[in-house]
């Protein structure tokens, strides 16, 4: 975000809002990646189809 939005010369409140937005975007993107990719892959790994083939 700092590459796209230069923060030099911002006041304390503006930087606080910037950090809060940054943290919210980070948490939301992490949750999206977890629910879209990681959770389905873990469920697939634990499925009976995979366990029968590789155990």
PDB file of N, CA and C in Angstrom:
ATOM      1  N   UNK A   1       0.823  -1.188   0.000  1.00  0.00           N
ATOM      2  CA  UNK A   1       0.000   0.000   0.000  1.00  0.00           C
ATOM      3  C   UNK A   1       0.871   1.257   0.000  1.00  0.00           C
ATOM      4  N   UNK A   2       2.009   1.195   0.653  1.00  0.00           N
ATOM      5  CA  UNK A   2       2.857   2.373   0.715  1.00  0.00           C
ATOM      6  C   UNK A   2       3.395   2.745  -0.663  1.00  0.00           C
ATOM      7  N   UNK A   3       3.522   1.786  -1.546  1.00  0.00           N
ATOM      8  CA  UNK A   3       3.961   2.046  -2.910  1.00  0.00           C
ATOM      9  C   UNK A   3       2.903   2.849  -3.676  1.00  0.00           C
ATOM     10  N   UNK A   4       1.644   2.523  -3.476  1.00  0.00           N
ATOM     11  CA  UNK A   4       0.560   3.175  -4.191  1.00  0.00           C
ATOM     12  C   UNK A   4       0.074   4.448  -3.506  1.00  0.00           C
ATOM     13  N   UNK A   5       0.184   4.503  -2.187  1.00  0.00           N
ATOM     14  CA  UNK A   5      -0.289   5.653  -1.434  1.00  0.00           C
ATOM     15  C   UNK A   5       0.867   6.183  -0.586  1.00  0.00           C
ATOM     16  N   UNK A   6       1.563   7.200  -1.051  1.00  0.00           N
ATOM     17  CA  UNK A   6       2.668   7.747  -0.248  1.00  0.00           C
ATOM     18  C   UNK A   6       2.125   8.431   1.003  1.00  0.00           C
ATOM     19  N   UNK A   7       2.758   8.160   2.137  1.00  0.00           N
ATOM     20  CA  UNK A   7       2.244   8.668   3.405  1.00  0.00           C
ATOM     21  C   UNK A   7       3.148   9.720   4.036  1.00  0.00           C
ATOM     22  N   UNK A   8       4.137  10.210   3.316  1.00  0.00           N
ATOM     23  CA  UNK A   8       4.998  11.248   3.859  1.00  0.00           C
ATOM     24  C   UNK A   8       4.179  12.514   4.097  1.00  0.00           C
ATOM     25  N   UNK A   9       4.331  13.096   5.243  1.00  0.00           N
ATOM     26  CA  UNK A   9       3.637  14.332   5.559  1.00  0.00           C
ATOM     27  C   UNK A   9       2.234  14.153   6.111  1.00  0.00           C
ATOM     28  N   UNK A  10       1.815  12.942   6.369  1.00  0.00           N
ATOM     29  CA  UNK A  10       0.485  12.722   6.932  1.00  0.00           C
ATOM     30  C   UNK A  10       0.511  12.960   8.432  1.00  0.00           C
ATOM     31  N   UNK A  11      -0.618  13.359   8.987  1.00  0.00           N
ATOM     32  CA  UNK A  11      -0.719  13.577  10.427  1.00  0.00           C
ATOM     33  C   UNK A  11      -0.981  12.256  11.145  1.00  0.00           C
ATOM     34  N   UNK A  12      -1.011  12.298  12.450  1.00  0.00           N
ATOM     35  CA  UNK A  12      -1.196  11.089  13.249  1.00  0.00           C
ATOM     36  C   UNK A  12      -2.508  10.379  12.974  1.00  0.00           C
ATOM     37  N   UNK A  13      -3.613  11.143  12.854  1.00  0.00           N
ATOM     38  CA  UNK A  13      -4.915  10.518  12.624  1.00  0.00           C
ATOM     39  C   UNK A  13      -4.964   9.852  11.258  1.00  0.00           C
ATOM     40  N   UNK A  14      -4.401  10.507  10.254  1.00  0.00           N
ATOM     41  CA  UNK A  14      -4.388   9.915   8.906  1.00  0.00           C
ATOM     42  C   UNK A  14      -3.593   8.615   8.889  1.00  0.00           C
ATOM     43  N   UNK A  15      -2.471   8.594   9.583  1.00  0.00           N
ATOM     44  CA  UNK A  15      -1.674   7.368   9.657  1.00  0.00           C
ATOM     45  C   UNK A  15      -2.403   6.271  10.411  1.00  0.00           C
ATOM     46  N   UNK A  16      -3.148   6.645  11.438  1.00  0.00           N
ATOM     47  CA  UNK A  16      -3.935   5.659  12.188  1.00  0.00           C
ATOM     48  C   UNK A  16      -4.985   5.019  11.285  1.00  0.00           C
ATOM     49  N   UNK A  17      -5.681   5.822  10.513  1.00  0.00           N
ATOM     50  CA  UNK A  17      -6.683   5.294   9.574  1.00  0.00           C
ATOM     51  C   UNK A  17      -6.006   4.405   8.535  1.00  0.00           C
ATOM     52  N   UNK A  18      -4.845   4.809   8.044  1.00  0.00           N
ATOM     53  CA  UNK A  18      -4.081   4.032   7.074  1.00  0.00           C
ATOM     54  C   UNK A  18      -3.729   2.658   7.638  1.00  0.00           C
ATOM     55  N   UNK A  19      -3.251   2.622   8.878  1.00  0.00           N
ATOM     56  CA  UNK A  19      -2.869   1.352   9.508  1.00  0.00           C
ATOM     57  C   UNK A  19      -4.092   0.473   9.731  1.00  0.00           C
ATOM     58  N   UNK A  20      -5.198   1.051  10.154  1.00  0.00           N
ATOM     59  CA  UNK A  20      -6.421   0.273  10.385  1.00  0.00           C
ATOM     60  C   UNK A  20      -6.927  -0.319   9.074  1.00  0.00           C
ATOM     61  N   UNK A  21      -6.921   0.473   8.004  1.00  0.00           N
ATOM     62  CA  UNK A  21      -7.350  -0.039   6.698  1.00  0.00           C
ATOM     63  C   UNK A  21      -6.413  -1.147   6.237  1.00  0.00           C
ATOM     64  N   UNK A  22      -5.114  -0.949   6.430  1.00  0.00           N
ATOM     65  CA  UNK A  22      -4.126  -1.963   6.047  1.00  0.00           C
ATOM     66  C   UNK A  22      -4.359  -3.270   6.804  1.00  0.00           C
ATOM     67  N   UNK A  23      -4.584  -3.180   8.108  1.00  0.00           N
ATOM     68  CA  UNK A  23      -4.828  -4.391   8.900  1.00  0.00           C
ATOM     69  C   UNK A  23      -6.121  -5.082   8.485  1.00  0.00           C
ATOM     70  N   UNK A  24      -7.166  -4.305   8.220  1.00  0.00           N
ATOM     71  CA  UNK A  24      -8.435  -4.900   7.788  1.00  0.00           C
ATOM     72  C   UNK A  24      -8.285  -5.607   6.439  1.00  0.00           C
ATOM     73  N   UNK A  25      -7.578  -4.979   5.505  1.00  0.00           N
ATOM     74  CA  UNK A  25      -7.351  -5.622   4.204  1.00  0.00           C
ATOM     75  C   UNK A  25      -6.527  -6.894   4.352  1.00  0.00           C
ATOM     76  N   UNK A  26      -5.541  -6.875   5.227  1.00  0.00           N
ATOM     77  CA  UNK A  26      -4.715  -8.061   5.455  1.00  0.00           C
ATOM     78  C   UNK A  26      -5.528  -9.195   6.050  1.00  0.00           C
ATOM     79  N   UNK A  27      -6.337  -8.894   7.043  1.00  0.00           N
ATOM     80  CA  UNK A  27      -7.151  -9.926   7.696  1.00  0.00           C
ATOM     81  C   UNK A  27      -8.205 -10.471   6.735  1.00  0.00           C
ATOM     82  N   UNK A  28      -8.860  -9.594   5.982  1.00  0.00           N
ATOM     83  CA  UNK A  28      -9.876 -10.042   5.028  1.00  0.00           C
ATOM     84  C   UNK A  28      -9.282 -10.891   3.906  1.00  0.00           C
ATOM     85  N   UNK A  29      -8.131 -10.494   3.396  1.00  0.00           N
ATOM     86  CA  UNK A  29      -7.523 -11.300   2.340  1.00  0.00           C
ATOM     87  C   UNK A  29      -7.024 -12.638   2.880  1.00  0.00           C
ATOM     88  N   UNK A  30      -6.529 -12.653   4.106  1.00  0.00           N
ATOM     89  CA  UNK A  30      -6.108 -13.917   4.720  1.00  0.00           C
ATOM     90  C   UNK A  30      -7.293 -14.852   4.909  1.00  0.00           C
ATOM     91  N   UNK A  31      -8.412 -14.316   5.380  1.00  0.00           N
ATOM     92  CA  UNK A  31      -9.603 -15.138   5.561  1.00  0.00           C
ATOM     93  C   UNK A  31     -10.116 -15.660   4.217  1.00  0.00           C
ATOM     94  N   UNK A  32     -10.089 -14.804   3.193  1.00  0.00           N
ATOM     95  CA  UNK A  32     -10.549 -15.241   1.879  1.00  0.00           C
ATOM     96  C   UNK A  32      -9.673 -16.358   1.330  1.00  0.00           C
ATOM     97  N   UNK A  33      -8.360 -16.222   1.448  1.00  0.00           N
ATOM     98  CA  UNK A  33      -7.469 -17.283   0.983  1.00  0.00           C
ATOM     99  C   UNK A  33      -7.678 -18.574   1.765  1.00  0.00           C
ATOM    100  N   UNK A  34      -7.904 -18.448   3.056  1.00  0.00           N
ATOM    101  CA  UNK A  34      -8.142 -19.634   3.874  1.00  0.00           C
ATOM    102  C   UNK A  34      -9.433 -20.325   3.456  1.00  0.00           C
ATOM    103  N   UNK A  35     -10.506 -19.563   3.309  1.00  0.00           N
ATOM    104  CA  UNK A  35     -11.797 -20.198   3.023  1.00  0.00           C
ATOM    105  C   UNK A  35     -11.920 -20.656   1.574  1.00  0.00           C
ATOM    106  N   UNK A  36     -11.236 -20.008   0.647  1.00  0.00           N
ATOM    107  CA  UNK A  36     -11.343 -20.381  -0.759  1.00  0.00           C
ATOM    108  C   UNK A  36     -10.368 -21.487  -1.140  1.00  0.00           C
ATOM    109  N   UNK A  37      -9.165 -21.464  -0.579  1.00  0.00           N
ATOM    110  CA  UNK A  37      -8.153 -22.417  -1.010  1.00  0.00           C
ATOM    111  C   UNK A  37      -7.758 -23.411   0.073  1.00  0.00           C
ATOM    112  N   UNK A  38      -7.341 -22.912   1.221  1.00  0.00           N
ATOM    113  CA  UNK A  38      -6.732 -23.803   2.207  1.00  0.00           C
ATOM    114  C   UNK A  38      -7.736 -24.773   2.840  1.00  0.00           C
ATOM    115  N   UNK A  39      -8.903 -24.297   3.241  1.00  0.00           N
ATOM    116  CA  UNK A  39      -9.903 -25.169   3.878  1.00  0.00           C
ATOM    117  C   UNK A  39     -10.383 -26.271   2.932  1.00  0.00           C
ATOM    118  N   UNK A  40     -10.732 -25.973   1.669  1.00  0.00           N
ATOM    119  CA  UNK A  40     -11.129 -27.069   0.765  1.00  0.00           C
ATOM    120  C   UNK A  40     -10.013 -28.093   0.541  1.00  0.00           C
ATOM    121  N   UNK A  41      -8.762 -27.641   0.476  1.00  0.00           N
ATOM    122  CA  UNK A  41      -7.647 -28.579   0.303  1.00  0.00           C
ATOM    123  C   UNK A  41      -7.468 -29.462   1.537  1.00  0.00           C
ATOM    124  N   UNK A  42      -7.640 -28.895   2.719  1.00  0.00           N
ATOM    125  CA  UNK A  42      -7.530 -29.704   3.938  1.00  0.00           C
ATOM    126  C   UNK A  42      -8.686 -30.702   4.015  1.00  0.00           C
ATOM    127  N   UNK A  43      -9.885 -30.277   3.628  1.00  0.00           N
ATOM    128  CA  UNK A  43     -11.024 -31.198   3.615  1.00  0.00           C
ATOM    129  C   UNK A  43     -10.807 -32.316   2.602  1.00  0.00           C
ATOM    130  N   UNK A  44     -10.264 -31.983   1.447  1.00  0.00           N
ATOM    131  CA  UNK A  44      -9.978 -32.995   0.430  1.00  0.00           C
ATOM    132  C   UNK A  44      -8.922 -33.976   0.935  1.00  0.00           C
ATOM    133  N   UNK A  45      -7.906 -33.469   1.631  1.00  0.00           N
ATOM    134  CA  UNK A  45      -6.852 -34.322   2.172  1.00  0.00           C
ATOM    135  C   UNK A  45      -7.419 -35.307   3.194  1.00  0.00           C
ATOM    136  N   UNK A  46      -8.410 -34.877   3.948  1.00  0.00           N
ATOM    137  CA  UNK A  46      -9.007 -35.726   4.968  1.00  0.00           C
ATOM    138  C   UNK A  46     -10.163 -36.585   4.448  1.00  0.00           C
ATOM    139  N   UNK A  47     -10.496 -36.484   3.179  1.00  0.00           N
ATOM    140  CA  UNK A  47     -11.624 -37.238   2.637  1.00  0.00           C
ATOM    141  C   UNK A  47     -11.293 -38.733   2.582  1.00  0.00           C
ATOM    142  N   UNK A  48     -12.334 -39.528   2.575  1.00  0.00           N
ATOM    143  CA  UNK A  48     -12.145 -40.983   2.549  1.00  0.00           C
ATOM    144  C   UNK A  48     -11.517 -41.432   1.228  1.00  0.00           C
ATOM    145  N   UNK A  49     -11.777 -40.734   0.142  1.00  0.00           N
ATOM    146  CA  UNK A  49     -11.194 -41.070  -1.152  1.00  0.00           C
ATOM    147  C   UNK A  49      -9.665 -41.024  -1.083  1.00  0.00           C
ATOM    148  N   UNK A  50      -9.123 -40.002  -0.519  1.00  0.00           N
ATOM    149  CA  UNK A  50      -7.669 -39.860  -0.413  1.00  0.00           C
ATOM    150  C   UNK A  50      -7.106 -40.831   0.620  1.00  0.00           C
ATOM    151  N   UNK A  51      -7.794 -40.996   1.726  1.00  0.00           N
ATOM    152  CA  UNK A  51      -7.294 -41.901   2.763  1.00  0.00           C
ATOM    153  C   UNK A  51      -7.246 -43.344   2.265  1.00  0.00           C
ATOM    154  N   UNK A  52      -8.220 -43.738   1.442  1.00  0.00           N
ATOM    155  CA  UNK A  52      -8.212 -45.101   0.907  1.00  0.00           C
ATOM    156  C   UNK A  52      -7.049 -45.300  -0.054  1.00  0.00           C
ATOM    157  N   UNK A  53      -6.743 -44.311  -0.826  1.00  0.00           N
ATOM    158  CA  UNK A  53      -5.701 -44.430  -1.845  1.00  0.00           C
ATOM    159  C   UNK A  53      -4.289 -44.378  -1.272  1.00  0.00           C
ATOM    160  N   UNK A  54      -4.077 -43.608  -0.214  1.00  0.00           N
ATOM    161  CA  UNK A  54      -2.722 -43.361   0.251  1.00  0.00           C
ATOM    162  C   UNK A  54      -2.433 -43.825   1.670  1.00  0.00           C
ATOM    163  N   UNK A  55      -3.259 -44.652   2.231  1.00  0.00           N
ATOM    164  CA  UNK A  55      -2.950 -45.134   3.584  1.00  0.00           C
ATOM    165  C   UNK A  55      -2.538 -46.593   3.586  1.00  0.00           C
TER     166      UNK A  55
END
